[in-house]
PDB file of all heavy atoms in Angstrom:
ATOM      1  N   LEU A   1      78.009 163.485 108.202  1.00  0.00           N
ATOM      2  CA  LEU A   1      78.252 162.833 109.420  1.00  0.00           C
ATOM      3  C   LEU A   1      79.750 162.435 109.625  1.00  0.00           C
ATOM      4  O   LEU A   1      80.241 162.669 110.630  1.00  0.00           O
ATOM      5  CB  LEU A   1      77.430 161.495 109.562  1.00  0.00           C
ATOM      6  CG  LEU A   1      77.422 160.854 110.873  1.00  0.00           C
ATOM      7  CD1 LEU A   1      76.536 161.595 111.835  1.00  0.00           C
ATOM      8  CD2 LEU A   1      76.792 159.406 110.751  1.00  0.00           C
ATOM      9  N   ALA A   2      80.263 161.864 108.541  1.00  0.00           N
ATOM     10  CA  ALA A   2      81.765 161.458 108.583  1.00  0.00           C
ATOM     11  C   ALA A   2      82.680 162.758 108.728  1.00  0.00           C
ATOM     12  O   ALA A   2      83.570 162.759 109.486  1.00  0.00           O
ATOM     13  CB  ALA A   2      82.082 160.735 107.335  1.00  0.00           C
ATOM     14  N   LEU A   3      82.354 163.759 107.968  1.00  0.00           N
ATOM     15  CA  LEU A   3      83.089 165.100 108.039  1.00  0.00           C
ATOM     16  C   LEU A   3      83.033 165.656 109.491  1.00  0.00           C
ATOM     17  O   LEU A   3      84.014 166.133 110.002  1.00  0.00           O
ATOM     18  CB  LEU A   3      82.563 165.996 106.978  1.00  0.00           C
ATOM     19  CG  LEU A   3      83.235 167.358 106.961  1.00  0.00           C
ATOM     20  CD1 LEU A   3      84.753 167.161 106.528  1.00  0.00           C
ATOM     21  CD2 LEU A   3      82.733 168.283 105.948  1.00  0.00           C
ATOM     22  N   LEU A   4      81.864 165.688 110.001  1.00  0.00           N
ATOM     23  CA  LEU A   4      81.610 166.333 111.389  1.00  0.00           C
ATOM     24  C   LEU A   4      82.390 165.491 112.409  1.00  0.00           C
ATOM     25  O   LEU A   4      83.013 166.138 113.379  1.00  0.00           O
ATOM     26  CB  LEU A   4      80.120 166.444 111.747  1.00  0.00           C
ATOM     27  CG  LEU A   4      79.462 167.487 110.973  1.00  0.00           C
ATOM     28  CD1 LEU A   4      77.981 167.363 111.046  1.00  0.00           C
ATOM     29  CD2 LEU A   4      79.883 168.991 111.396  1.00  0.00           C
ATOM     30  N   ALA A   5      82.274 164.131 112.266  1.00  0.00           N
ATOM     31  CA  ALA A   5      82.992 163.350 113.297  1.00  0.00           C
ATOM     32  C   ALA A   5      84.540 163.545 113.227  1.00  0.00           C
ATOM     33  O   ALA A   5      85.243 163.647 114.175  1.00  0.00           O
ATOM     34  CB  ALA A   5      82.724 161.920 113.037  1.00  0.00           C
ATOM     35  N   ALA A   6      85.037 163.729 111.924  1.00  0.00           N
ATOM     36  CA  ALA A   6      86.485 163.913 111.817  1.00  0.00           C
ATOM     37  C   ALA A   6      86.864 165.303 112.312  1.00  0.00           C
ATOM     38  O   ALA A   6      88.004 165.505 112.898  1.00  0.00           O
ATOM     39  CB  ALA A   6      86.797 163.733 110.273  1.00  0.00           C
ATOM     40  N   SER A   7      86.032 166.290 112.179  1.00  0.00           N
ATOM     41  CA  SER A   7      86.338 167.666 112.586  1.00  0.00           C
ATOM     42  C   SER A   7      86.305 167.668 114.144  1.00  0.00           C
ATOM     43  O   SER A   7      87.180 168.349 114.667  1.00  0.00           O
ATOM     44  CB  SER A   7      85.155 168.641 112.066  1.00  0.00           C
ATOM     45  OG  SER A   7      85.184 168.779 110.679  1.00  0.00           O
ATOM     46  N   ALA A   8      85.415 166.875 114.813  1.00  0.00           N
ATOM     47  CA  ALA A   8      85.284 166.918 116.196  1.00  0.00           C
ATOM     48  C   ALA A   8      86.662 166.321 116.674  1.00  0.00           C
ATOM     49  O   ALA A   8      87.269 166.614 117.762  1.00  0.00           O
ATOM     50  CB  ALA A   8      84.221 165.969 116.686  1.00  0.00           C
ATOM     51  N   ALA A   9      87.103 165.251 115.954  1.00  0.00           N
ATOM     52  CA  ALA A   9      88.468 164.575 116.521  1.00  0.00           C
ATOM     53  C   ALA A   9      89.563 165.610 116.236  1.00  0.00           C
ATOM     54  O   ALA A   9      90.532 165.584 117.191  1.00  0.00           O
ATOM     55  CB  ALA A   9      88.690 163.266 115.565  1.00  0.00           C
ATOM     56  N   LEU A  10      89.609 166.431 115.278  1.00  0.00           N
ATOM     57  CA  LEU A  10      90.620 167.357 115.143  1.00  0.00           C
ATOM     58  C   LEU A  10      90.590 168.373 116.231  1.00  0.00           C
ATOM     59  O   LEU A  10      91.603 168.846 116.826  1.00  0.00           O
ATOM     60  CB  LEU A  10      90.500 168.123 113.681  1.00  0.00           C
ATOM     61  CG  LEU A  10      90.973 167.233 112.464  1.00  0.00           C
ATOM     62  CD1 LEU A  10      90.610 167.942 111.154  1.00  0.00           C
ATOM     63  CD2 LEU A  10      92.422 166.850 112.597  1.00  0.00           C
ATOM     64  N   CYS A  11      89.423 168.804 116.543  1.00  0.00           N
ATOM     65  CA  CYS A  11      89.247 169.797 117.663  1.00  0.00           C
ATOM     66  C   CYS A  11      89.754 169.205 118.971  1.00  0.00           C
ATOM     67  O   CYS A  11      90.511 169.887 119.745  1.00  0.00           O
ATOM     68  CB  CYS A  11      87.726 170.129 117.948  1.00  0.00           C
ATOM     69  SG  CYS A  11      87.094 171.251 116.599  1.00  0.00           S
ATOM     70  N   LEU A  12      89.500 167.882 119.176  1.00  0.00           N
ATOM     71  CA  LEU A  12      89.923 167.240 120.481  1.00  0.00           C
ATOM     72  C   LEU A  12      91.433 166.939 120.403  1.00  0.00           C
ATOM     73  O   LEU A  12      92.004 166.715 121.520  1.00  0.00           O
ATOM     74  CB  LEU A  12      89.166 165.904 120.638  1.00  0.00           C
ATOM     75  CG  LEU A  12      87.709 166.093 121.065  1.00  0.00           C
ATOM     76  CD1 LEU A  12      86.969 164.796 120.845  1.00  0.00           C
ATOM     77  CD2 LEU A  12      87.624 166.613 122.360  1.00  0.00           C
ATOM     78  N   ALA A  13      92.005 166.952 119.245  1.00  0.00           N
ATOM     79  CA  ALA A  13      93.455 166.703 119.107  1.00  0.00           C
ATOM     80  C   ALA A  13      94.236 167.965 119.644  1.00  0.00           C
ATOM     81  O   ALA A  13      95.368 167.766 120.113  1.00  0.00           O
ATOM     82  CB  ALA A  13      93.842 166.360 117.781  1.00  0.00           C
ATOM     83  N   LEU A  14      93.688 169.110 119.549  1.00  0.00           N
ATOM     84  CA  LEU A  14      94.453 170.334 119.956  1.00  0.00           C
ATOM     85  C   LEU A  14      94.743 170.290 121.446  1.00  0.00           C
ATOM     86  O   LEU A  14      95.955 170.507 121.813  1.00  0.00           O
ATOM     87  CB  LEU A  14      93.614 171.592 119.644  1.00  0.00           C
ATOM     88  CG  LEU A  14      93.405 171.872 118.167  1.00  0.00           C
ATOM     89  CD1 LEU A  14      92.513 173.061 117.990  1.00  0.00           C
ATOM     90  CD2 LEU A  14      94.700 172.097 117.560  1.00  0.00           C
ATOM     91  N   PRO A  15      93.817 169.991 122.401  1.00  0.00           N
ATOM     92  CA  PRO A  15      94.341 169.871 123.893  1.00  0.00           C
ATOM     93  C   PRO A  15      95.217 168.843 124.108  1.00  0.00           C
ATOM     94  O   PRO A  15      95.898 168.844 125.116  1.00  0.00           O
ATOM     95  CB  PRO A  15      93.003 169.731 124.639  1.00  0.00           C
ATOM     96  CG  PRO A  15      91.987 170.246 123.688  1.00  0.00           C
ATOM     97  CD  PRO A  15      92.364 169.959 122.343  1.00  0.00           C
ATOM     98  N   ALA A  16      95.122 167.755 123.182  1.00  0.00           N
ATOM     99  CA  ALA A  16      96.173 166.632 123.445  1.00  0.00           C
ATOM    100  C   ALA A  16      97.564 167.066 123.071  1.00  0.00           C
ATOM    101  O   ALA A  16      98.583 166.513 123.593  1.00  0.00           O
ATOM    102  CB  ALA A  16      95.658 165.370 122.551  1.00  0.00           C
ATOM    103  N   LEU A  17      97.656 168.057 122.211  1.00  0.00           N
ATOM    104  CA  LEU A  17      98.989 168.609 121.685  1.00  0.00           C
ATOM    105  C   LEU A  17      99.463 169.650 122.682  1.00  0.00           C
ATOM    106  O   LEU A  17     100.678 169.694 122.984  1.00  0.00           O
ATOM    107  CB  LEU A  17      98.920 169.072 120.397  1.00  0.00           C
ATOM    108  CG  LEU A  17      98.540 168.139 119.246  1.00  0.00           C
ATOM    109  CD1 LEU A  17      98.383 168.865 117.890  1.00  0.00           C
ATOM    110  CD2 LEU A  17      99.688 167.000 119.128  1.00  0.00           C
ATOM    111  N   THR A  18      98.638 170.504 123.214  1.00  0.00           N
ATOM    112  CA  THR A  18      99.018 171.462 124.197  1.00  0.00           C
ATOM    113  C   THR A  18      97.850 171.820 125.047  1.00  0.00           C
ATOM    114  O   THR A  18      96.716 171.888 124.713  1.00  0.00           O
ATOM    115  CB  THR A  18      99.387 172.853 123.380  1.00  0.00           C
ATOM    116  OG1 THR A  18      99.651 173.869 124.321  1.00  0.00           O
ATOM    117  CG2 THR A  18      98.410 173.317 122.446  1.00  0.00           C
ATOM    118  N   THR A  19      98.116 172.012 126.395  1.00  0.00           N
ATOM    119  CA  THR A  19      97.111 172.267 127.304  1.00  0.00           C
ATOM    120  C   THR A  19      96.930 173.766 127.637  1.00  0.00           C
ATOM    121  O   THR A  19      96.354 174.133 128.657  1.00  0.00           O
ATOM    122  CB  THR A  19      97.389 171.519 128.638  1.00  0.00           C
ATOM    123  OG1 THR A  19      98.643 172.007 129.135  1.00  0.00           O
ATOM    124  CG2 THR A  19      97.338 170.063 128.518  1.00  0.00           C
ATOM    125  N   ALA A  20      97.410 174.589 126.759  1.00  0.00           N
ATOM    126  CA  ALA A  20      97.155 176.140 126.872  1.00  0.00           C
ATOM    127  C   ALA A  20      95.756 176.312 126.832  1.00  0.00           C
ATOM    128  O   ALA A  20      95.025 175.919 126.000  1.00  0.00           O
ATOM    129  CB  ALA A  20      97.915 176.804 125.769  1.00  0.00           C
ATOM    130  N   VAL A  21      95.259 177.132 127.811  1.00  0.00           N
ATOM    131  CA  VAL A  21      93.886 177.476 127.994  1.00  0.00           C
ATOM    132  C   VAL A  21      93.211 178.127 126.695  1.00  0.00           C
ATOM    133  O   VAL A  21      92.181 177.860 126.226  1.00  0.00           O
ATOM    134  CB  VAL A  21      93.551 178.324 129.197  1.00  0.00           C
ATOM    135  CG1 VAL A  21      92.077 178.725 129.334  1.00  0.00           C
ATOM    136  CG2 VAL A  21      93.728 177.489 130.476  1.00  0.00           C
ATOM    137  N   PRO A  22      93.904 179.065 126.015  1.00  0.00           N
ATOM    138  CA  PRO A  22      93.326 179.721 124.794  1.00  0.00           C
ATOM    139  C   PRO A  22      93.171 178.646 123.772  1.00  0.00           C
ATOM    140  O   PRO A  22      92.208 178.735 123.021  1.00  0.00           O
ATOM    141  CB  PRO A  22      94.349 180.769 124.405  1.00  0.00           C
ATOM    142  CG  PRO A  22      95.076 181.108 125.690  1.00  0.00           C
ATOM    143  CD  PRO A  22      95.174 179.904 126.398  1.00  0.00           C
ATOM    144  N   VAL A  23      94.009 177.708 123.680  1.00  0.00           N
ATOM    145  CA  VAL A  23      93.890 176.606 122.624  1.00  0.00           C
ATOM    146  C   VAL A  23      92.688 175.775 123.027  1.00  0.00           C
ATOM    147  O   VAL A  23      91.918 175.386 122.072  1.00  0.00           O
ATOM    148  CB  VAL A  23      95.234 175.770 122.562  1.00  0.00           C
ATOM    149  CG1 VAL A  23      94.952 174.588 121.580  1.00  0.00           C
ATOM    150  CG2 VAL A  23      96.386 176.700 122.070  1.00  0.00           C
ATOM    151  N   ALA A  24      92.642 175.445 124.246  1.00  0.00           N
ATOM    152  CA  ALA A  24      91.481 174.675 124.739  1.00  0.00           C
ATOM    153  C   ALA A  24      90.177 175.299 124.513  1.00  0.00           C
ATOM    154  O   ALA A  24      89.135 174.742 124.016  1.00  0.00           O
ATOM    155  CB  ALA A  24      91.597 174.367 126.162  1.00  0.00           C
ATOM    156  N   ALA A  25      90.074 176.714 124.624  1.00  0.00           N
ATOM    157  CA  ALA A  25      88.744 177.476 124.345  1.00  0.00           C
ATOM    158  C   ALA A  25      88.450 177.354 122.914  1.00  0.00           C
ATOM    159  O   ALA A  25      87.317 177.081 122.550  1.00  0.00           O
ATOM    160  CB  ALA A  25      89.049 178.867 124.821  1.00  0.00           C
ATOM    161  N   LEU A  26      89.481 177.518 122.108  1.00  0.00           N
ATOM    162  CA  LEU A  26      89.175 177.318 120.659  1.00  0.00           C
ATOM    163  C   LEU A  26      88.758 175.950 120.338  1.00  0.00           C
ATOM    164  O   LEU A  26      87.789 175.760 119.480  1.00  0.00           O
ATOM    165  CB  LEU A  26      90.414 177.689 119.767  1.00  0.00           C
ATOM    166  CG  LEU A  26      90.383 177.543 118.305  1.00  0.00           C
ATOM    167  CD1 LEU A  26      89.303 178.541 117.791  1.00  0.00           C
ATOM    168  CD2 LEU A  26      91.720 177.863 117.666  1.00  0.00           C
ATOM    169  N   ALA A  27      89.366 174.999 120.861  1.00  0.00           N
ATOM    170  CA  ALA A  27      89.043 173.544 120.636  1.00  0.00           C
ATOM    171  C   ALA A  27      87.644 173.289 121.006  1.00  0.00           C
ATOM    172  O   ALA A  27      86.904 172.639 120.330  1.00  0.00           O
ATOM    173  CB  ALA A  27      90.011 172.703 121.260  1.00  0.00           C
ATOM    174  N   LEU A  28      87.222 173.745 122.256  1.00  0.00           N
ATOM    175  CA  LEU A  28      85.864 173.376 122.697  1.00  0.00           C
ATOM    176  C   LEU A  28      84.788 174.077 122.047  1.00  0.00           C
ATOM    177  O   LEU A  28      83.680 173.752 121.937  1.00  0.00           O
ATOM    178  CB  LEU A  28      85.842 173.609 124.357  1.00  0.00           C
ATOM    179  CG  LEU A  28      86.551 172.532 125.055  1.00  0.00           C
ATOM    180  CD1 LEU A  28      86.755 172.883 126.543  1.00  0.00           C
ATOM    181  CD2 LEU A  28      85.899 171.124 124.893  1.00  0.00           C
ATOM    182  N   LEU A  29      85.097 175.374 121.638  1.00  0.00           N
ATOM    183  CA  LEU A  29      84.157 176.129 120.779  1.00  0.00           C
ATOM    184  C   LEU A  29      83.834 175.337 119.589  1.00  0.00           C
ATOM    185  O   LEU A  29      82.632 175.173 118.992  1.00  0.00           O
ATOM    186  CB  LEU A  29      84.695 177.463 120.456  1.00  0.00           C
ATOM    187  CG  LEU A  29      83.820 178.335 119.582  1.00  0.00           C
ATOM    188  CD1 LEU A  29      82.551 178.842 120.321  1.00  0.00           C
ATOM    189  CD2 LEU A  29      84.609 179.602 119.116  1.00  0.00           C
ATOM    190  N   GLY A  30      84.932 174.862 118.874  1.00  0.00           N
ATOM    191  CA  GLY A  30      84.736 174.093 117.700  1.00  0.00           C
ATOM    192  C   GLY A  30      84.057 172.771 117.950  1.00  0.00           C
ATOM    193  O   GLY A  30      83.339 172.228 117.185  1.00  0.00           O
ATOM    194  N   LEU A  31      84.439 172.120 119.107  1.00  0.00           N
ATOM    195  CA  LEU A  31      83.825 170.891 119.503  1.00  0.00           C
ATOM    196  C   LEU A  31      82.228 171.029 119.596  1.00  0.00           C
ATOM    197  O   LEU A  31      81.494 170.175 119.266  1.00  0.00           O
ATOM    198  CB  LEU A  31      84.437 170.333 120.741  1.00  0.00           C
ATOM    199  CG  LEU A  31      83.868 168.958 121.218  1.00  0.00           C
ATOM    200  CD1 LEU A  31      84.202 167.838 120.250  1.00  0.00           C
ATOM    201  CD2 LEU A  31      84.565 168.663 122.615  1.00  0.00           C
ATOM    202  N   GLY A  32      81.895 172.245 120.323  1.00  0.00           N
ATOM    203  CA  GLY A  32      80.487 172.293 120.411  1.00  0.00           C
ATOM    204  C   GLY A  32      79.763 172.454 119.133  1.00  0.00           C
ATOM    205  O   GLY A  32      78.625 171.884 118.921  1.00  0.00           O
ATOM    206  N   VAL A  33      80.358 173.180 118.150  1.00  0.00           N
ATOM    207  CA  VAL A  33      79.719 173.262 116.800  1.00  0.00           C
ATOM    208  C   VAL A  33      79.521 171.781 116.180  1.00  0.00           C
ATOM    209  O   VAL A  33      78.597 171.468 115.679  1.00  0.00           O
ATOM    210  CB  VAL A  33      80.613 174.113 115.878  1.00  0.00           C
ATOM    211  CG1 VAL A  33      80.128 174.114 114.453  1.00  0.00           C
ATOM    212  CG2 VAL A  33      80.630 175.580 116.458  1.00  0.00           C
ATOM    213  N   CYS A  34      80.674 171.008 116.226  1.00  0.00           N
ATOM    214  CA  CYS A  34      80.605 169.741 115.691  1.00  0.00           C
ATOM    215  C   CYS A  34      79.672 168.752 116.335  1.00  0.00           C
ATOM    216  O   CYS A  34      78.964 167.976 115.743  1.00  0.00           O
ATOM    217  CB  CYS A  34      82.056 169.158 115.749  1.00  0.00           C
ATOM    218  SG  CYS A  34      83.317 169.991 114.722  1.00  0.00           S
ATOM    219  N   ALA A  35      79.637 168.840 117.597  1.00  0.00           N
ATOM    220  CA  ALA A  35      78.742 167.936 118.460  1.00  0.00           C
ATOM    221  C   ALA A  35      77.352 168.137 118.165  1.00  0.00           C
ATOM    222  O   ALA A  35      76.612 167.156 117.922  1.00  0.00           O
ATOM    223  CB  ALA A  35      78.995 167.999 119.994  1.00  0.00           C
ATOM    224  N   ASP A  36      76.798 169.435 118.203  1.00  0.00           N
ATOM    225  CA  ASP A  36      75.390 169.635 117.995  1.00  0.00           C
ATOM    226  C   ASP A  36      75.061 169.313 116.547  1.00  0.00           C
ATOM    227  O   ASP A  36      73.946 168.724 116.261  1.00  0.00           O
ATOM    228  CB  ASP A  36      75.019 171.047 118.377  1.00  0.00           C
ATOM    229  CG  ASP A  36      74.634 171.264 119.752  1.00  0.00           C
ATOM    230  OD1 ASP A  36      75.322 170.466 120.583  1.00  0.00           O
ATOM    231  OD2 ASP A  36      73.942 172.117 120.191  1.00  0.00           O
ATOM    232  N   THR A  37      75.896 169.737 115.609  1.00  0.00           N
ATOM    233  CA  THR A  37      75.485 169.541 114.185  1.00  0.00           C
ATOM    234  C   THR A  37      75.634 168.015 113.857  1.00  0.00           C
ATOM    235  O   THR A  37      74.850 167.545 112.993  1.00  0.00           O
ATOM    236  CB  THR A  37      76.463 170.385 113.250  1.00  0.00           C
ATOM    237  OG1 THR A  37      77.888 170.047 113.663  1.00  0.00           O
ATOM    238  CG2 THR A  37      76.080 171.776 113.283  1.00  0.00           C
ATOM    239  N   LEU A  38      76.431 167.320 114.526  1.00  0.00           N
ATOM    240  CA  LEU A  38      76.493 165.861 114.279  1.00  0.00           C
ATOM    241  C   LEU A  38      75.243 165.201 114.816  1.00  0.00           C
ATOM    242  O   LEU A  38      74.590 164.326 114.100  1.00  0.00           O
ATOM    243  CB  LEU A  38      77.726 165.184 115.064  1.00  0.00           C
ATOM    244  CG  LEU A  38      77.981 163.716 114.860  1.00  0.00           C
ATOM    245  CD1 LEU A  38      79.556 163.467 114.827  1.00  0.00           C
ATOM    246  CD2 LEU A  38      77.323 162.828 115.885  1.00  0.00           C
ATOM    247  N   LEU A  39      74.707 165.636 115.945  1.00  0.00           N
ATOM    248  CA  LEU A  39      73.424 165.192 116.365  1.00  0.00           C
ATOM    249  C   LEU A  39      72.254 165.489 115.381  1.00  0.00           C
ATOM    250  O   LEU A  39      71.377 164.659 115.103  1.00  0.00           O
ATOM    251  CB  LEU A  39      73.093 165.622 117.773  1.00  0.00           C
ATOM    252  CG  LEU A  39      73.772 164.952 118.901  1.00  0.00           C
ATOM    253  CD1 LEU A  39      73.442 165.739 120.211  1.00  0.00           C
ATOM    254  CD2 LEU A  39      73.424 163.494 118.995  1.00  0.00           C
ATOM    255  N   ILE A  40      72.244 166.806 114.873  1.00  0.00           N
ATOM    256  CA  ILE A  40      71.187 167.209 113.882  1.00  0.00           C
ATOM    257  C   ILE A  40      71.316 166.244 112.739  1.00  0.00           C
ATOM    258  O   ILE A  40      70.354 165.828 112.175  1.00  0.00           O
ATOM    259  CB  ILE A  40      71.438 168.631 113.549  1.00  0.00           C
ATOM    260  CG1 ILE A  40      71.168 169.503 114.740  1.00  0.00           C
ATOM    261  CG2 ILE A  40      70.458 169.024 112.371  1.00  0.00           C
ATOM    262  CD1 ILE A  40      71.607 170.923 114.466  1.00  0.00           C
ATOM    263  N   THR A  41      72.529 166.002 112.217  1.00  0.00           N
ATOM    264  CA  THR A  41      72.711 165.153 111.077  1.00  0.00           C
ATOM    265  C   THR A  41      72.245 163.693 111.296  1.00  0.00           C
ATOM    266  O   THR A  41      71.577 163.184 110.425  1.00  0.00           O
ATOM    267  CB  THR A  41      74.175 165.160 110.554  1.00  0.00           C
ATOM    268  OG1 THR A  41      74.617 166.351 110.429  1.00  0.00           O
ATOM    269  CG2 THR A  41      74.337 164.460 109.358  1.00  0.00           C
ATOM    270  N   SER A  42      72.497 163.190 112.490  1.00  0.00           N
ATOM    271  CA  SER A  42      71.951 161.859 112.811  1.00  0.00           C
ATOM    272  C   SER A  42      70.517 161.844 112.862  1.00  0.00           C
ATOM    273  O   SER A  42      69.908 160.826 112.365  1.00  0.00           O
ATOM    274  CB  SER A  42      72.481 161.533 114.270  1.00  0.00           C
ATOM    275  OG  SER A  42      73.876 161.535 114.275  1.00  0.00           O
ATOM    276  N   PHE A  43      69.872 162.870 113.335  1.00  0.00           N
ATOM    277  CA  PHE A  43      68.411 162.885 113.420  1.00  0.00           C
ATOM    278  C   PHE A  43      67.822 163.005 111.872  1.00  0.00           C
ATOM    279  O   PHE A  43      66.798 162.406 111.462  1.00  0.00           O
ATOM    280  CB  PHE A  43      67.900 164.094 114.179  1.00  0.00           C
ATOM    281  CG  PHE A  43      68.171 163.994 115.671  1.00  0.00           C
ATOM    282  CD1 PHE A  43      68.620 165.003 116.375  1.00  0.00           C
ATOM    283  CD2 PHE A  43      67.970 162.710 116.241  1.00  0.00           C
ATOM    284  CE1 PHE A  43      68.940 164.810 117.698  1.00  0.00           C
ATOM    285  CE2 PHE A  43      68.295 162.597 117.638  1.00  0.00           C
ATOM    286  CZ  PHE A  43      68.758 163.680 118.427  1.00  0.00           C
TER     287      PHE A  43
END
């Protein structure tokens, strides 16, 4: 749970550093992985 939350924060940090769309695509792909697996872990 802690690792996934930290990984989500790292994914969200990428658009904060640069608003390039390819970077955002990579970040949101990773964010989707982290968000769903974080919910699974919570359950």
